[in-house]
Amino acid sequence: MARTSNNRGKFLQTQGLNAPSSQVPFLRESKFKHTFEAEVEKIFPDPHQSRKIFLEEDIVNLSNSINERGLLQPILVRSDHAHSGQWIIVAGERRWRAIKHLGWSHIAAIEYEGDHATANLVENLLRSDLTAVEEAQGLRNLMTHKGWSQSELARQLSLSQPRVNRFLRILDLPESFLKLAQEKNIPANTLLAIARENDENKRQILMDTALAGELTVAEALSSRQRKNSLPKEPISGSSGINEKAIKTTQIFLKTLHKLEPSKASLSQDQKDILRRARSAIDQLLSES
């Protein structure tokens, strides 16, 4: 379902993207042609599409709906100049996937000749089922594509600048973590709380706990609040360091327990890390 708004800013108005009569309204009548029946097998996803995750269950549900009610809205395509007679999807990849699932040979399409990159980015940002990572990446991509500052991006989309800043702050987190966070659909507030943690060790603990499904927004925020409330005097002796190491190990063990040895597929690097961890623990126990 698309997000609806009475005012999405001058940018959306100039692109013709705020027409309430269409679920996915597209860029001015003068920029697209008539509807035609396109061959499904001659249509291909845009490799630069910002949306990467398409859940199989969602595609099946959409295909069932289309099978019962028909395709209520054509997809938007552009000509593939590198391959004659082929098309690249500008918007509507979910519908195209659903039609493929049904085994239909043709789909209603509209050829679009405008700024297809902007159309794709905005169409995705108007959706309500984006993950926090997808929305953050979509905002950054649109800002880069149009050469906008954060304040201009916020103004053009009629979003508050703090909201834009929060989402872009999420992208400070490691790319490898963001990929997994996107798959697990970790909420934006949780990701933001992790991104605001400046201590690298604590940030890593929060990321691991979030991926294990054991970190809530409240817990992430309280973790930072506890840190801020600690006395600033340096810890004397090794007791404080030892306590921190034990707490980290407890979280590490919780994560390990969630792995099923028969199904776990570890790379050689991952195995080496676990072997080093085991060696370090064995050494500590032998010296105690």
Protein backbone atom coordinates (compact mmCIF):
# COMPACT_ATOMS: atom_id res chain seq x y z
CA MET A 1 0.00 0.00 0.00
CA ALA A 2 1.36 3.41 -0.89
CA ARG A 3 1.78 6.13 1.67
CA THR A 4 -0.73 8.90 1.29
CA SER A 5 -0.23 12.54 2.12
CA ASN A 6 -2.01 15.78 1.35
CA ASN A 7 1.32 17.48 0.69
CA ARG A 8 4.58 15.75 -0.16
CA GLY A 9 6.36 18.95 -1.18
CA LYS A 10 7.18 20.81 -4.35
CA PHE A 11 9.23 17.96 -5.73
CA LEU A 12 6.35 15.51 -5.64
CA GLN A 13 4.03 18.11 -7.08
CA THR A 14 6.34 18.83 -10.02
CA GLN A 15 6.75 15.11 -10.64
CA GLY A 16 3.00 14.52 -10.54
CA LEU A 17 3.43 12.06 -7.68
CA ASN A 18 0.72 13.18 -5.30
CA ALA A 19 -2.40 12.41 -7.33
CA PRO A 20 -4.82 10.71 -4.89
CA SER A 21 -6.59 8.78 -7.63
CA SER A 22 -3.74 6.33 -8.18
CA GLN A 23 -2.01 3.93 -5.81
CA VAL A 24 1.29 4.53 -7.54
CA PRO A 25 0.88 7.80 -9.47
CA PHE A 26 3.56 8.55 -12.04
CA LEU A 27 5.28 11.47 -13.49
CA ARG A 28 3.09 13.77 -15.62
CA GLU A 29 0.95 12.63 -18.51
CA SER A 30 3.29 14.24 -21.03
CA LYS A 31 6.09 11.85 -20.04
CA PHE A 32 4.42 8.50 -20.56
CA LYS A 33 2.60 6.92 -23.46
CA HIS A 34 -0.48 4.74 -23.77
CA THR A 35 -0.99 1.42 -22.02
CA PHE A 36 0.09 -1.63 -24.01
CA GLU A 37 0.38 -5.39 -23.51
CA ALA A 38 4.04 -6.24 -22.90
CA GLU A 39 5.50 -9.72 -23.02
CA VAL A 40 6.44 -10.74 -19.48
CA GLU A 41 9.58 -12.56 -20.64
CA LYS A 42 10.86 -9.41 -22.36
CA ILE A 43 10.67 -7.35 -19.16
CA PHE A 44 13.55 -7.23 -16.68
CA PRO A 45 14.14 -5.63 -13.26
CA ASP A 46 16.30 -2.54 -13.05
CA PRO A 47 19.71 -3.63 -11.69
CA HIS A 48 19.90 -0.29 -9.88
CA GLN A 49 16.54 -0.77 -8.19
CA SER A 50 16.83 0.41 -4.59
CA ARG A 51 14.41 -2.21 -3.31
CA LYS A 52 16.20 -5.55 -2.98
CA ILE A 53 13.97 -7.76 -0.81
CA PHE A 54 10.77 -9.27 -2.19
CA LEU A 55 9.16 -11.75 0.18
CA GLU A 56 7.80 -14.84 -1.52
CA GLU A 57 4.69 -14.80 0.67
CA ASP A 58 3.89 -11.24 -0.41
CA ILE A 59 4.30 -12.11 -4.08
CA VAL A 60 2.01 -15.14 -3.71
CA ASN A 61 -0.63 -13.05 -1.93
CA LEU A 62 -0.45 -10.36 -4.61
CA SER A 63 -0.69 -12.96 -7.38
CA ASN A 64 -3.82 -14.41 -5.73
CA SER A 65 -5.34 -10.94 -5.59
CA ILE A 66 -4.51 -10.24 -9.24
CA ASN A 67 -5.90 -13.62 -10.24
CA GLU A 68 -9.21 -12.78 -8.53
CA ARG A 69 -9.55 -9.09 -9.40
CA GLY A 70 -7.23 -8.58 -12.36
CA LEU A 71 -4.29 -6.20 -12.62
CA LEU A 72 -5.72 -2.88 -11.48
CA GLN A 73 -2.72 -0.79 -12.47
CA PRO A 74 -0.15 -1.16 -15.25
CA ILE A 75 3.53 -1.29 -14.46
CA LEU A 76 5.86 1.45 -15.65
CA VAL A 77 8.70 0.50 -18.03
CA ARG A 78 11.40 2.10 -20.13
CA SER A 79 12.94 0.84 -23.33
CA ASP A 80 16.13 -1.19 -22.95
CA HIS A 81 18.33 0.55 -25.49
CA ALA A 82 20.98 -2.15 -25.21
CA HIS A 83 18.55 -4.92 -26.18
CA SER A 84 15.99 -4.23 -28.87
CA GLY A 85 12.42 -5.16 -27.99
CA GLN A 86 13.13 -5.53 -24.28
CA TRP A 87 11.97 -3.41 -21.35
CA ILE A 88 13.33 -2.41 -17.93
CA ILE A 89 10.97 -1.89 -15.02
CA VAL A 90 10.77 1.65 -13.67
CA ALA A 91 8.06 0.88 -11.10
CA GLY A 92 5.85 -2.10 -10.36
CA GLU A 93 8.33 -4.95 -9.95
CA ARG A 94 6.12 -6.67 -7.35
CA ARG A 95 3.23 -6.77 -9.83
CA TRP A 96 5.53 -8.12 -12.54
CA ARG A 97 6.79 -10.84 -10.19
CA ALA A 98 3.20 -11.73 -9.27
CA ILE A 99 2.23 -12.00 -12.94
CA LYS A 100 5.24 -14.26 -13.56
CA HIS A 101 4.15 -16.39 -10.59
CA LEU A 102 0.75 -16.80 -12.25
CA GLY A 103 2.40 -17.86 -15.49
CA TRP A 104 0.71 -15.15 -17.55
CA SER A 105 2.45 -14.27 -20.82
CA HIS A 106 1.58 -10.54 -20.96
CA ILE A 107 1.16 -7.65 -18.54
CA ALA A 108 -0.33 -4.17 -18.94
CA ALA A 109 2.48 -1.62 -19.09
CA ILE A 110 3.09 2.06 -19.76
CA GLU A 111 6.27 3.30 -21.40
CA TYR A 112 7.90 6.11 -19.43
CA GLU A 113 10.40 8.51 -21.00
CA GLY A 114 11.16 10.83 -18.10
CA ASP A 115 13.73 10.70 -15.29
CA HIS A 116 13.31 6.99 -14.56
CA ALA A 117 15.87 6.97 -11.73
CA THR A 118 13.92 9.61 -9.81
CA ALA A 119 10.62 7.85 -10.57
CA ASN A 120 11.97 4.60 -9.16
CA LEU A 121 13.38 6.20 -6.01
CA VAL A 122 10.26 8.22 -5.22
CA GLU A 123 7.90 5.32 -5.96
CA ASN A 124 9.79 3.24 -3.43
CA LEU A 125 9.83 5.99 -0.81
CA LEU A 126 6.05 6.33 -1.10
CA ARG A 127 5.56 2.71 -0.04
CA SER A 128 4.60 1.94 3.55
CA ASP A 129 6.21 -1.52 3.73
CA LEU A 130 9.83 -0.46 3.34
CA THR A 131 12.30 -1.64 5.94
CA ALA A 132 14.12 1.07 7.88
CA VAL A 133 17.32 0.30 5.97
CA GLU A 134 15.55 0.48 2.59
CA GLU A 135 14.03 3.85 3.46
CA ALA A 136 17.37 5.20 4.67
CA GLN A 137 19.11 4.02 1.52
CA GLY A 138 16.31 5.38 -0.65
CA LEU A 139 16.63 8.82 0.94
CA ARG A 140 20.40 8.82 0.49
CA ASN A 141 20.14 7.64 -3.12
CA LEU A 142 17.59 10.32 -3.99
CA MET A 143 19.73 12.98 -2.28
CA THR A 144 22.78 11.83 -4.26
CA HIS A 145 20.88 11.51 -7.55
CA LYS A 146 19.41 15.01 -7.32
CA GLY A 147 22.49 16.61 -5.71
CA TRP A 148 20.46 17.78 -2.71
CA SER A 149 21.59 18.61 0.79
CA GLN A 150 19.78 16.98 3.72
CA SER A 151 17.77 20.15 4.30
CA GLU A 152 16.78 20.34 0.63
CA LEU A 153 15.80 16.67 0.61
CA ALA A 154 13.60 17.26 3.66
CA ARG A 155 12.03 20.34 2.06
CA GLN A 156 11.32 18.67 -1.27
CA LEU A 157 9.68 15.61 0.34
CA SER A 158 7.88 17.63 3.04
CA LEU A 159 9.64 15.63 5.75
CA SER A 160 11.07 17.08 8.93
CA GLN A 161 14.81 17.51 8.78
CA PRO A 162 15.30 15.62 12.09
CA ARG A 163 13.52 12.62 10.51
CA VAL A 164 15.82 12.73 7.48
CA ASN A 165 18.87 13.11 9.72
CA ARG A 166 17.81 10.13 11.84
CA PHE A 167 17.39 7.83 8.88
CA LEU A 168 20.67 8.89 7.28
CA ARG A 169 22.44 8.36 10.62
CA ILE A 170 21.45 4.69 10.42
CA LEU A 171 23.71 4.34 7.37
CA ASP A 172 26.77 5.02 9.59
CA LEU A 173 26.45 1.40 10.73
CA PRO A 174 28.56 -1.27 8.97
CA GLU A 175 27.19 -2.34 5.60
CA SER A 176 27.44 -6.04 6.53
CA PHE A 177 25.26 -5.42 9.59
CA LEU A 178 22.76 -3.28 7.63
CA LYS A 179 22.26 -6.09 5.12
CA LEU A 180 21.31 -8.51 7.91
CA ALA A 181 19.26 -5.84 9.70
CA GLN A 182 17.29 -5.29 6.49
CA GLU A 183 16.56 -9.01 6.18
CA LYS A 184 15.35 -9.14 9.79
CA ASN A 185 13.46 -5.81 9.44
CA ILE A 186 14.96 -4.33 12.61
CA PRO A 187 13.03 -1.12 13.49
CA ALA A 188 14.48 2.30 12.72
CA ASN A 189 14.53 3.43 16.37
CA THR A 190 16.57 0.38 17.38
CA LEU A 191 19.04 0.96 14.56
CA LEU A 192 19.30 4.64 15.45
CA ALA A 193 20.03 3.84 19.10
CA ILE A 194 22.80 1.50 17.98
CA ALA A 195 24.21 4.08 15.55
CA ARG A 196 24.39 6.65 18.35
CA GLU A 197 26.55 4.38 20.48
CA ASN A 198 30.10 5.71 20.10
CA ASP A 199 31.87 2.94 21.99
CA GLU A 200 32.81 0.39 19.32
CA ASN A 201 32.70 -2.60 21.69
CA LYS A 202 29.28 -1.66 23.05
CA ARG A 203 28.01 -0.94 19.56
CA GLN A 204 29.12 -4.41 18.43
CA ILE A 205 27.36 -6.01 21.41
CA LEU A 206 24.16 -4.10 20.56
CA MET A 207 24.38 -5.16 16.90
CA ASP A 208 24.89 -8.82 17.81
CA THR A 209 22.02 -8.71 20.29
CA ALA A 210 19.73 -7.04 17.75
CA LEU A 211 20.49 -9.67 15.11
CA ALA A 212 19.75 -12.39 17.67
CA GLY A 213 16.30 -10.82 18.13
CA GLU A 214 16.94 -9.95 21.75
CA LEU A 215 17.25 -6.15 21.60
CA THR A 216 14.29 -3.81 21.96
CA VAL A 217 14.31 -0.06 21.46
CA ALA A 218 13.93 0.46 25.21
CA GLU A 219 16.87 -1.82 25.95
CA ALA A 220 19.07 -0.11 23.38
CA LEU A 221 18.23 3.31 24.80
CA SER A 222 18.63 2.21 28.42
CA SER A 223 22.05 0.77 27.56
CA ARG A 224 23.20 4.20 26.43
CA GLN A 225 21.56 5.91 29.38
CA ARG A 226 23.32 3.59 31.83
CA LYS A 227 26.61 4.40 30.17
CA ASN A 228 25.97 8.15 30.39
CA SER A 229 25.08 7.87 34.09
CA LEU A 230 28.32 6.07 35.03
CA PRO A 231 30.98 8.06 36.94
CA LYS A 232 33.68 9.51 34.75
CA GLU A 233 36.57 8.41 37.01
CA PRO A 234 38.79 5.74 35.48
CA ILE A 235 38.30 2.17 36.70
CA SER A 236 41.03 1.09 39.09
CA GLY A 237 42.44 -2.41 38.78
CA SER A 238 41.17 -5.09 36.45
CA SER A 239 37.82 -5.90 38.10
CA GLY A 240 35.86 -3.53 35.87
CA ILE A 241 37.45 -4.91 32.71
CA ASN A 242 36.84 -8.48 33.84
CA GLU A 243 33.18 -7.77 34.56
CA LYS A 244 32.71 -6.22 31.12
CA ALA A 245 34.37 -9.22 29.46
CA ILE A 246 32.09 -11.65 31.33
CA LYS A 247 28.96 -9.71 30.31
CA THR A 248 30.12 -9.69 26.70
CA THR A 249 30.72 -13.43 26.88
CA GLN A 250 27.20 -14.00 28.25
CA ILE A 251 25.69 -12.23 25.23
CA PHE A 252 28.05 -14.16 22.94
CA LEU A 253 26.86 -17.45 24.43
CA LYS A 254 23.20 -16.52 23.99
CA THR A 255 23.86 -15.92 20.30
CA LEU A 256 25.74 -19.20 19.93
CA HIS A 257 22.90 -21.17 21.53
CA LYS A 258 20.59 -19.99 18.75
CA LEU A 259 22.76 -21.69 16.13
CA GLU A 260 21.81 -25.19 15.05
CA PRO A 261 25.09 -27.07 14.51
CA SER A 262 23.56 -29.35 11.89
CA LYS A 263 22.44 -26.38 9.80
CA ALA A 264 25.17 -23.85 10.56
CA SER A 265 27.29 -23.10 7.49
CA LEU A 266 30.43 -21.33 8.64
CA SER A 267 33.11 -19.84 6.42
CA GLN A 268 36.77 -20.54 7.13
CA ASP A 269 37.21 -17.02 8.55
CA GLN A 270 34.25 -17.54 10.88
CA LYS A 271 35.66 -20.85 12.06
CA ASP A 272 39.02 -19.21 12.74
CA ILE A 273 37.33 -16.52 14.84
CA LEU A 274 35.52 -19.14 16.91
CA ARG A 275 38.74 -21.13 17.36
CA ARG A 276 40.56 -18.00 18.60
CA ALA A 277 37.71 -17.30 21.01
CA ARG A 278 37.89 -20.86 22.34
CA SER A 279 41.67 -20.62 22.70
CA ALA A 280 41.42 -17.34 24.60
CA ILE A 281 38.80 -18.76 26.98
CA ASP A 282 40.87 -21.91 27.55
CA GLN A 283 43.88 -19.78 28.38
CA LEU A 284 41.94 -17.70 30.89
CA LEU A 285 40.58 -20.81 32.59
CA SER A 286 44.00 -22.44 32.78
CA GLU A 287 45.48 -19.37 34.47
CA SER A 288 42.68 -18.93 37.02
